[in-house]
């Protein structure tokens, strides 16, 4: 997406990925605090919020600069999403905001889908029973891609929850 893997979804990812995850968490906590406190948040010092926001801004700025300096060595023959966005969005602030949104979405979508799926299953014992039966029928040790592909009801439930969410 950005021309180089950050490893955000890996537990053993790079130090950059670990710092970025911490920065996203700290900045999201700061945003939530500001929503709750409103104008009172202005009198509550929150250095981790500001340093996290600055870290994210600097990382995105560096990625943008790197992609624009030497596009060929940056991503090889293929254009990255970052390069395509750069062509379409002339505004540097708008481009920065798009990239931050992409990075946020990369980590939150799976968690959101699973949370909504479990919420739905807790309210629908009939769906839970059918889903459980589908898994029991196709489960094998070790779990293989082929056996997961046979779990069609699991796939359908996830797709339905994704659509409803």
N, C-alpha and C. Protein backbone atom coordinates (compact mmCIF):
# COMPACT_ATOMS: atom_id res chain seq x y z
N UNK A 1 0.82 -1.18 0.00
CA UNK A 1 0.00 0.00 0.00
C UNK A 1 0.87 1.26 0.00
N UNK A 2 1.88 1.26 0.86
CA UNK A 2 2.73 2.44 0.99
C UNK A 2 4.11 2.24 0.39
N UNK A 3 4.35 1.09 -0.21
CA UNK A 3 5.63 0.84 -0.84
C UNK A 3 6.59 0.03 -0.01
N UNK A 4 6.34 -0.04 1.28
CA UNK A 4 7.18 -0.87 2.15
C UNK A 4 6.30 -1.41 3.27
N UNK A 5 6.53 -2.65 3.67
CA UNK A 5 5.69 -3.23 4.71
C UNK A 5 6.02 -2.64 6.08
N UNK A 6 4.99 -2.28 6.81
CA UNK A 6 5.20 -1.77 8.17
C UNK A 6 5.03 -2.87 9.21
N UNK A 7 4.31 -3.94 8.84
CA UNK A 7 4.12 -5.05 9.77
C UNK A 7 3.17 -4.72 10.90
N UNK A 8 2.17 -3.90 10.64
CA UNK A 8 1.25 -3.49 11.70
C UNK A 8 0.43 -4.63 12.27
N UNK A 9 0.16 -5.63 11.47
CA UNK A 9 -0.70 -6.72 11.94
C UNK A 9 0.10 -7.88 12.52
N UNK A 10 1.42 -7.77 12.52
CA UNK A 10 2.27 -8.83 13.06
C UNK A 10 2.69 -8.51 14.48
N UNK A 11 2.61 -9.49 15.35
CA UNK A 11 3.08 -9.30 16.73
C UNK A 11 4.59 -9.07 16.76
N UNK A 12 5.29 -9.69 15.83
CA UNK A 12 6.75 -9.57 15.79
C UNK A 12 7.18 -8.60 14.70
N UNK A 13 6.37 -7.58 14.43
CA UNK A 13 6.69 -6.62 13.39
C UNK A 13 7.88 -5.75 13.76
N UNK A 14 8.14 -4.78 12.92
CA UNK A 14 9.28 -3.90 13.11
C UNK A 14 9.08 -2.99 14.32
N UNK A 15 10.16 -2.35 14.71
CA UNK A 15 10.08 -1.36 15.81
C UNK A 15 9.19 -0.20 15.39
N UNK A 16 9.24 0.15 14.10
CA UNK A 16 8.37 1.21 13.58
C UNK A 16 6.91 0.84 13.77
N UNK A 17 6.56 -0.42 13.49
CA UNK A 17 5.18 -0.88 13.65
C UNK A 17 4.76 -0.81 15.11
N UNK A 18 5.64 -1.23 16.01
CA UNK A 18 5.32 -1.19 17.44
C UNK A 18 5.11 0.25 17.91
N UNK A 19 5.98 1.15 17.47
CA UNK A 19 5.84 2.56 17.84
C UNK A 19 4.57 3.15 17.26
N UNK A 20 4.25 2.77 16.01
CA UNK A 20 3.05 3.29 15.37
C UNK A 20 1.79 2.79 16.07
N UNK A 21 1.78 1.51 16.45
CA UNK A 21 0.62 0.99 17.20
C UNK A 21 0.43 1.75 18.51
N UNK A 22 1.54 1.96 19.23
CA UNK A 22 1.45 2.72 20.50
C UNK A 22 0.96 4.14 20.24
N UNK A 23 1.49 4.75 19.19
CA UNK A 23 1.10 6.13 18.87
C UNK A 23 -0.39 6.20 18.51
N UNK A 24 -0.88 5.25 17.73
CA UNK A 24 -2.31 5.23 17.39
C UNK A 24 -3.15 5.05 18.65
N UNK A 25 -2.75 4.13 19.51
CA UNK A 25 -3.51 3.90 20.74
C UNK A 25 -3.53 5.15 21.62
N UNK A 26 -2.37 5.76 21.81
CA UNK A 26 -2.29 6.96 22.65
C UNK A 26 -3.09 8.12 22.04
N UNK A 27 -2.99 8.28 20.74
CA UNK A 27 -3.72 9.38 20.11
C UNK A 27 -5.23 9.14 20.16
N UNK A 28 -5.66 7.89 19.99
CA UNK A 28 -7.10 7.60 20.07
C UNK A 28 -7.63 7.81 21.49
N UNK A 29 -6.83 7.44 22.49
CA UNK A 29 -7.22 7.71 23.88
C UNK A 29 -7.36 9.21 24.11
N UNK A 30 -6.42 9.97 23.55
CA UNK A 30 -6.48 11.42 23.68
C UNK A 30 -7.71 12.01 23.01
N UNK A 31 -8.07 11.49 21.85
CA UNK A 31 -9.27 11.98 21.16
C UNK A 31 -10.51 11.67 21.99
N UNK A 32 -10.59 10.46 22.52
CA UNK A 32 -11.74 10.07 23.35
C UNK A 32 -11.83 10.97 24.58
N UNK A 33 -10.69 11.24 25.21
CA UNK A 33 -10.66 12.12 26.37
C UNK A 33 -11.19 13.50 26.01
N UNK A 34 -10.79 14.00 24.84
CA UNK A 34 -11.25 15.31 24.40
C UNK A 34 -12.75 15.32 24.11
N UNK A 35 -13.26 14.21 23.60
CA UNK A 35 -14.70 14.12 23.34
C UNK A 35 -15.46 14.15 24.67
N UNK A 36 -14.96 13.41 25.65
CA UNK A 36 -15.63 13.34 26.95
C UNK A 36 -15.54 14.67 27.70
N UNK A 37 -14.35 15.26 27.74
CA UNK A 37 -14.14 16.47 28.53
C UNK A 37 -14.54 17.75 27.82
N UNK A 38 -14.64 17.70 26.50
CA UNK A 38 -14.96 18.92 25.77
C UNK A 38 -13.88 19.97 25.96
N UNK A 39 -14.30 21.21 26.27
CA UNK A 39 -13.34 22.31 26.43
C UNK A 39 -12.44 22.13 27.64
N UNK A 40 -12.87 21.33 28.61
CA UNK A 40 -12.01 21.07 29.78
C UNK A 40 -10.73 20.35 29.40
N UNK A 41 -10.74 19.67 28.28
CA UNK A 41 -9.53 18.95 27.83
C UNK A 41 -8.38 19.90 27.57
N UNK A 42 -8.68 21.16 27.30
CA UNK A 42 -7.63 22.14 27.04
C UNK A 42 -6.76 22.40 28.27
N UNK A 43 -7.31 22.17 29.47
CA UNK A 43 -6.53 22.44 30.68
C UNK A 43 -5.85 21.18 31.23
N UNK A 44 -6.15 20.03 30.62
CA UNK A 44 -5.52 18.77 31.05
C UNK A 44 -4.31 18.50 30.17
N UNK A 45 -3.11 18.56 30.75
CA UNK A 45 -1.93 18.29 29.92
C UNK A 45 -1.86 16.81 29.53
N UNK A 46 -1.58 16.58 28.27
CA UNK A 46 -1.52 15.20 27.77
C UNK A 46 -0.34 15.09 26.80
N UNK A 47 0.89 15.03 27.33
CA UNK A 47 2.05 15.01 26.43
C UNK A 47 2.11 13.79 25.53
N UNK A 48 1.59 12.64 26.00
CA UNK A 48 1.64 11.45 25.15
C UNK A 48 0.75 11.61 23.92
N UNK A 49 -0.36 12.34 24.06
CA UNK A 49 -1.24 12.59 22.92
C UNK A 49 -0.50 13.41 21.86
N UNK A 50 0.12 14.49 22.29
CA UNK A 50 0.81 15.36 21.33
C UNK A 50 2.02 14.68 20.70
N UNK A 51 2.79 13.95 21.50
CA UNK A 51 3.96 13.27 20.93
C UNK A 51 3.53 12.15 19.99
N UNK A 52 2.42 11.48 20.30
CA UNK A 52 1.92 10.43 19.41
C UNK A 52 1.45 11.00 18.09
N UNK A 53 0.71 12.10 18.15
CA UNK A 53 0.26 12.75 16.91
C UNK A 53 1.44 13.21 16.08
N UNK A 54 2.46 13.74 16.74
CA UNK A 54 3.66 14.20 16.03
C UNK A 54 4.40 13.03 15.40
N UNK A 55 4.49 11.90 16.10
CA UNK A 55 5.16 10.71 15.56
C UNK A 55 4.44 10.24 14.28
N UNK A 56 3.12 10.18 14.33
CA UNK A 56 2.34 9.74 13.16
C UNK A 56 2.54 10.72 12.00
N UNK A 57 2.48 12.02 12.29
CA UNK A 57 2.69 13.02 11.23
C UNK A 57 4.06 12.86 10.59
N UNK A 58 5.09 12.69 11.42
CA UNK A 58 6.46 12.54 10.89
C UNK A 58 6.62 11.27 10.07
N UNK A 59 6.03 10.17 10.53
CA UNK A 59 6.12 8.91 9.80
C UNK A 59 5.48 9.04 8.42
N UNK A 60 4.28 9.60 8.37
CA UNK A 60 3.59 9.77 7.09
C UNK A 60 4.37 10.73 6.19
N UNK A 61 4.89 11.80 6.78
CA UNK A 61 5.70 12.75 6.00
C UNK A 61 6.92 12.06 5.40
N UNK A 62 7.60 11.23 6.19
CA UNK A 62 8.76 10.50 5.68
C UNK A 62 8.38 9.52 4.58
N UNK A 63 7.27 8.82 4.74
CA UNK A 63 6.81 7.90 3.69
C UNK A 63 6.51 8.64 2.41
N UNK A 64 5.86 9.79 2.53
CA UNK A 64 5.55 10.60 1.35
C UNK A 64 6.82 11.08 0.66
N UNK A 65 7.75 11.60 1.44
CA UNK A 65 9.01 12.09 0.86
C UNK A 65 9.78 10.96 0.18
N UNK A 66 9.82 9.81 0.82
CA UNK A 66 10.55 8.67 0.26
C UNK A 66 9.92 8.22 -1.06
N UNK A 67 8.61 8.21 -1.13
CA UNK A 67 7.94 7.76 -2.35
C UNK A 67 8.11 8.75 -3.49
N UNK A 68 8.27 10.03 -3.16
CA UNK A 68 8.39 11.04 -4.20
C UNK A 68 9.83 11.24 -4.67
N UNK A 69 10.81 10.94 -3.82
CA UNK A 69 12.21 11.13 -4.19
C UNK A 69 12.66 10.16 -5.27
N UNK A 70 12.41 8.88 -5.04
CA UNK A 70 12.89 7.86 -5.96
C UNK A 70 11.81 6.79 -6.14
N UNK A 71 10.79 7.09 -6.95
CA UNK A 71 9.66 6.17 -7.06
C UNK A 71 10.03 4.79 -7.59
N UNK A 72 11.05 4.70 -8.45
CA UNK A 72 11.40 3.40 -9.03
C UNK A 72 11.99 2.45 -7.99
N UNK A 73 12.95 2.93 -7.20
CA UNK A 73 13.56 2.05 -6.21
C UNK A 73 12.64 1.85 -5.02
N UNK A 74 11.69 2.75 -4.85
CA UNK A 74 10.79 2.66 -3.71
C UNK A 74 9.86 1.46 -3.81
N UNK A 75 9.30 1.23 -4.98
CA UNK A 75 8.30 0.16 -5.09
C UNK A 75 8.51 -0.78 -6.27
N UNK A 76 9.60 -0.64 -6.98
CA UNK A 76 9.81 -1.49 -8.13
C UNK A 76 8.99 -1.00 -9.31
N UNK A 77 8.48 -1.92 -10.10
CA UNK A 77 7.74 -1.56 -11.32
C UNK A 77 6.32 -1.12 -11.02
N UNK A 78 5.74 -1.65 -9.96
CA UNK A 78 4.34 -1.36 -9.68
C UNK A 78 4.18 -0.06 -8.93
N UNK A 79 3.08 0.63 -9.23
CA UNK A 79 2.78 1.85 -8.48
C UNK A 79 2.09 1.46 -7.19
N UNK A 80 2.42 2.16 -6.13
CA UNK A 80 1.78 1.91 -4.85
C UNK A 80 0.53 2.76 -4.73
N UNK A 81 -0.30 2.41 -3.78
CA UNK A 81 -1.49 3.22 -3.50
C UNK A 81 -1.07 4.63 -3.12
N UNK A 82 0.00 4.74 -2.39
CA UNK A 82 0.53 6.04 -2.00
C UNK A 82 0.85 6.89 -3.22
N UNK A 83 1.51 6.31 -4.22
CA UNK A 83 1.86 7.06 -5.42
C UNK A 83 0.61 7.44 -6.22
N UNK A 84 -0.36 6.54 -6.28
CA UNK A 84 -1.60 6.85 -6.99
C UNK A 84 -2.37 7.97 -6.29
N UNK A 85 -2.40 7.93 -4.95
CA UNK A 85 -3.06 9.00 -4.21
C UNK A 85 -2.34 10.33 -4.42
N UNK A 86 -1.02 10.28 -4.48
CA UNK A 86 -0.23 11.49 -4.69
C UNK A 86 -0.59 12.13 -6.03
N UNK A 87 -0.81 11.30 -7.05
CA UNK A 87 -1.19 11.82 -8.37
C UNK A 87 -2.57 12.45 -8.34
N UNK A 88 -3.51 11.84 -7.59
CA UNK A 88 -4.90 12.31 -7.61
C UNK A 88 -5.18 13.45 -6.63
N UNK A 89 -4.43 13.50 -5.55
CA UNK A 89 -4.70 14.50 -4.51
C UNK A 89 -3.56 15.49 -4.50
N UNK A 90 -3.83 16.70 -4.92
CA UNK A 90 -2.78 17.71 -4.98
C UNK A 90 -2.48 18.34 -3.63
N UNK A 91 -3.44 18.34 -2.75
CA UNK A 91 -3.31 18.98 -1.44
C UNK A 91 -2.49 18.10 -0.50
N UNK A 92 -1.33 18.57 -0.02
CA UNK A 92 -0.50 17.73 0.86
C UNK A 92 -1.21 17.38 2.18
N UNK A 93 -2.00 18.28 2.71
CA UNK A 93 -2.72 17.98 3.96
C UNK A 93 -3.78 16.92 3.71
N UNK A 94 -4.50 17.03 2.61
CA UNK A 94 -5.49 16.02 2.26
C UNK A 94 -4.86 14.66 2.03
N UNK A 95 -3.71 14.65 1.38
CA UNK A 95 -2.98 13.40 1.14
C UNK A 95 -2.55 12.78 2.46
N UNK A 96 -2.01 13.59 3.35
CA UNK A 96 -1.60 13.13 4.67
C UNK A 96 -2.79 12.51 5.41
N UNK A 97 -3.94 13.19 5.37
CA UNK A 97 -5.13 12.70 6.07
C UNK A 97 -5.60 11.37 5.49
N UNK A 98 -5.53 11.22 4.18
CA UNK A 98 -5.92 9.95 3.55
C UNK A 98 -5.02 8.81 4.02
N UNK A 99 -3.74 9.07 4.10
CA UNK A 99 -2.79 8.02 4.50
C UNK A 99 -3.03 7.62 5.96
N UNK A 100 -3.25 8.59 6.82
CA UNK A 100 -3.53 8.28 8.23
C UNK A 100 -4.80 7.44 8.33
N UNK A 101 -5.82 7.79 7.56
CA UNK A 101 -7.06 7.00 7.57
C UNK A 101 -6.82 5.57 7.11
N UNK A 102 -5.98 5.40 6.09
CA UNK A 102 -5.67 4.06 5.62
C UNK A 102 -4.95 3.24 6.69
N UNK A 103 -4.02 3.88 7.38
CA UNK A 103 -3.29 3.19 8.44
C UNK A 103 -4.22 2.82 9.60
N UNK A 104 -5.13 3.72 9.95
CA UNK A 104 -6.10 3.42 11.00
C UNK A 104 -7.01 2.27 10.60
N UNK A 105 -7.48 2.33 9.37
CA UNK A 105 -8.41 1.29 8.91
C UNK A 105 -7.76 -0.08 8.85
N UNK A 106 -6.47 -0.12 8.56
CA UNK A 106 -5.79 -1.41 8.46
C UNK A 106 -5.83 -2.18 9.76
N UNK A 107 -5.80 -1.49 10.88
CA UNK A 107 -5.79 -2.19 12.16
C UNK A 107 -7.16 -2.35 12.78
N UNK A 108 -8.08 -1.46 12.49
CA UNK A 108 -9.36 -1.46 13.19
C UNK A 108 -10.44 -2.31 12.54
N UNK A 109 -10.37 -2.54 11.25
CA UNK A 109 -11.48 -3.20 10.57
C UNK A 109 -11.69 -4.63 11.04
N UNK A 110 -10.62 -5.38 11.22
CA UNK A 110 -10.76 -6.76 11.67
C UNK A 110 -11.35 -6.82 13.07
N UNK A 111 -10.86 -5.98 13.95
CA UNK A 111 -11.39 -5.92 15.31
C UNK A 111 -12.85 -5.53 15.33
N UNK A 112 -13.21 -4.56 14.50
CA UNK A 112 -14.61 -4.14 14.43
C UNK A 112 -15.50 -5.27 13.93
N UNK A 113 -15.05 -5.97 12.88
CA UNK A 113 -15.84 -7.07 12.33
C UNK A 113 -16.04 -8.16 13.37
N UNK A 114 -14.97 -8.55 14.05
CA UNK A 114 -15.10 -9.62 15.05
C UNK A 114 -15.96 -9.18 16.23
N UNK A 115 -15.81 -7.94 16.66
CA UNK A 115 -16.64 -7.45 17.78
C UNK A 115 -18.11 -7.48 17.41
N UNK A 116 -18.44 -7.00 16.22
CA UNK A 116 -19.84 -6.99 15.81
C UNK A 116 -20.37 -8.41 15.60
N UNK A 117 -19.51 -9.29 15.09
CA UNK A 117 -19.92 -10.69 14.89
C UNK A 117 -20.24 -11.34 16.23
N UNK A 118 -19.37 -11.17 17.23
CA UNK A 118 -19.64 -11.76 18.55
C UNK A 118 -20.86 -11.13 19.20
N UNK A 119 -21.05 -9.85 19.01
CA UNK A 119 -22.24 -9.17 19.52
C UNK A 119 -23.50 -9.78 18.90
N UNK A 120 -23.46 -9.99 17.59
CA UNK A 120 -24.59 -10.58 16.89
C UNK A 120 -24.84 -12.02 17.33
N UNK A 121 -23.77 -12.80 17.45
CA UNK A 121 -23.91 -14.20 17.87
C UNK A 121 -24.47 -14.31 19.28
N UNK A 122 -24.12 -13.38 20.15
CA UNK A 122 -24.66 -13.39 21.52
C UNK A 122 -26.16 -13.14 21.53
N UNK A 123 -26.65 -12.44 20.53
CA UNK A 123 -28.09 -12.15 20.45
C UNK A 123 -28.86 -13.16 19.61
N UNK A 124 -28.14 -14.00 18.89
CA UNK A 124 -28.80 -14.97 18.01
C UNK A 124 -28.28 -16.38 18.27
N UNK A 125 -28.81 -17.07 19.29
CA UNK A 125 -28.33 -18.42 19.60
C UNK A 125 -28.56 -19.41 18.46
N UNK A 126 -29.57 -19.18 17.63
CA UNK A 126 -29.81 -20.07 16.49
C UNK A 126 -28.67 -19.99 15.47
N UNK A 127 -28.18 -18.78 15.23
CA UNK A 127 -27.07 -18.59 14.31
C UNK A 127 -25.79 -19.19 14.92
N UNK A 128 -25.59 -18.97 16.22
CA UNK A 128 -24.43 -19.53 16.91
C UNK A 128 -24.42 -21.05 16.80
N UNK A 129 -25.56 -21.70 17.01
CA UNK A 129 -25.63 -23.16 16.95
C UNK A 129 -25.29 -23.67 15.55
N UNK A 130 -25.82 -23.01 14.54
CA UNK A 130 -25.55 -23.43 13.16
C UNK A 130 -24.08 -23.18 12.79
N UNK A 131 -23.53 -22.07 13.25
CA UNK A 131 -22.13 -21.75 12.99
C UNK A 131 -21.23 -22.78 13.67
N UNK A 132 -21.55 -23.11 14.91
CA UNK A 132 -20.77 -24.10 15.65
C UNK A 132 -20.79 -25.45 14.94
N UNK A 133 -21.95 -25.84 14.45
CA UNK A 133 -22.08 -27.12 13.74
C UNK A 133 -21.24 -27.13 12.47
N UNK A 134 -21.23 -26.02 11.75
CA UNK A 134 -20.43 -25.90 10.53
C UNK A 134 -18.94 -26.09 10.84
N UNK A 135 -18.48 -25.47 11.92
CA UNK A 135 -17.06 -25.60 12.30
C UNK A 135 -16.75 -27.04 12.71
N UNK A 136 -17.62 -27.64 13.53
CA UNK A 136 -17.40 -29.02 13.98
C UNK A 136 -17.32 -29.98 12.79
N UNK A 137 -18.17 -29.78 11.81
CA UNK A 137 -18.20 -30.65 10.64
C UNK A 137 -16.93 -30.58 9.81
N UNK A 138 -16.32 -29.40 9.72
CA UNK A 138 -15.19 -29.21 8.80
C UNK A 138 -13.85 -29.02 9.49
N UNK A 139 -13.81 -29.03 10.80
CA UNK A 139 -12.56 -28.81 11.52
C UNK A 139 -11.63 -30.01 11.38
N UNK A 140 -10.37 -29.74 11.23
CA UNK A 140 -9.36 -30.80 11.22
C UNK A 140 -8.11 -30.29 11.92
N UNK A 141 -7.29 -31.19 12.34
CA UNK A 141 -6.06 -30.86 13.08
C UNK A 141 -4.87 -31.25 12.23
N UNK A 142 -3.97 -30.42 11.83
CA UNK A 142 -4.01 -28.97 11.96
C UNK A 142 -5.02 -28.38 10.96
N UNK A 143 -5.49 -27.22 11.28
CA UNK A 143 -6.47 -26.55 10.44
C UNK A 143 -5.83 -26.18 9.10
N UNK A 144 -6.51 -26.50 8.02
CA UNK A 144 -5.98 -26.21 6.68
C UNK A 144 -6.86 -25.19 5.97
N UNK A 145 -6.32 -24.59 4.94
CA UNK A 145 -7.09 -23.64 4.13
C UNK A 145 -8.29 -24.32 3.50
N UNK A 146 -8.09 -25.55 3.06
CA UNK A 146 -9.20 -26.29 2.42
C UNK A 146 -10.36 -26.50 3.40
N UNK A 147 -10.04 -26.84 4.65
CA UNK A 147 -11.12 -27.06 5.62
C UNK A 147 -11.83 -25.75 5.95
N UNK A 148 -11.08 -24.66 6.00
CA UNK A 148 -11.70 -23.35 6.27
C UNK A 148 -12.61 -22.96 5.10
N UNK A 149 -12.18 -23.25 3.87
CA UNK A 149 -13.00 -22.93 2.71
C UNK A 149 -14.33 -23.70 2.72
N UNK A 150 -14.33 -24.86 3.34
CA UNK A 150 -15.56 -25.65 3.43
C UNK A 150 -16.53 -25.10 4.47
N UNK A 151 -16.06 -24.25 5.34
CA UNK A 151 -16.92 -23.66 6.38
C UNK A 151 -17.70 -22.49 5.77
N UNK A 152 -18.63 -22.81 4.91
CA UNK A 152 -19.36 -21.78 4.17
C UNK A 152 -20.27 -20.94 5.06
N UNK A 153 -20.82 -21.55 6.09
CA UNK A 153 -21.71 -20.78 6.97
C UNK A 153 -20.90 -19.75 7.77
N UNK A 154 -19.69 -20.11 8.17
CA UNK A 154 -18.82 -19.16 8.87
C UNK A 154 -18.55 -17.96 7.96
N UNK A 155 -18.21 -18.23 6.73
CA UNK A 155 -17.96 -17.16 5.76
C UNK A 155 -19.19 -16.29 5.57
N UNK A 156 -20.36 -16.94 5.45
CA UNK A 156 -21.59 -16.18 5.24
C UNK A 156 -21.93 -15.30 6.44
N UNK A 157 -21.72 -15.81 7.64
CA UNK A 157 -21.98 -15.02 8.85
C UNK A 157 -21.05 -13.80 8.89
N UNK A 158 -19.78 -14.02 8.60
CA UNK A 158 -18.83 -12.89 8.61
C UNK A 158 -19.19 -11.85 7.54
N UNK A 159 -19.57 -12.31 6.38
CA UNK A 159 -19.96 -11.37 5.32
C UNK A 159 -21.22 -10.58 5.70
N UNK A 160 -22.17 -11.27 6.30
CA UNK A 160 -23.41 -10.61 6.71
C UNK A 160 -23.11 -9.57 7.80
N UNK A 161 -22.27 -9.94 8.76
CA UNK A 161 -21.92 -8.99 9.83
C UNK A 161 -21.13 -7.82 9.28
N UNK A 162 -20.29 -8.08 8.30
CA UNK A 162 -19.53 -6.99 7.67
C UNK A 162 -20.48 -6.03 6.97
N UNK A 163 -21.48 -6.57 6.31
CA UNK A 163 -22.45 -5.74 5.59
C UNK A 163 -23.29 -4.92 6.58
N UNK A 164 -23.71 -5.55 7.68
CA UNK A 164 -24.57 -4.88 8.65
C UNK A 164 -23.82 -3.86 9.49
N UNK A 165 -22.53 -4.11 9.67
CA UNK A 165 -21.72 -3.24 10.52
C UNK A 165 -21.49 -1.96 9.79
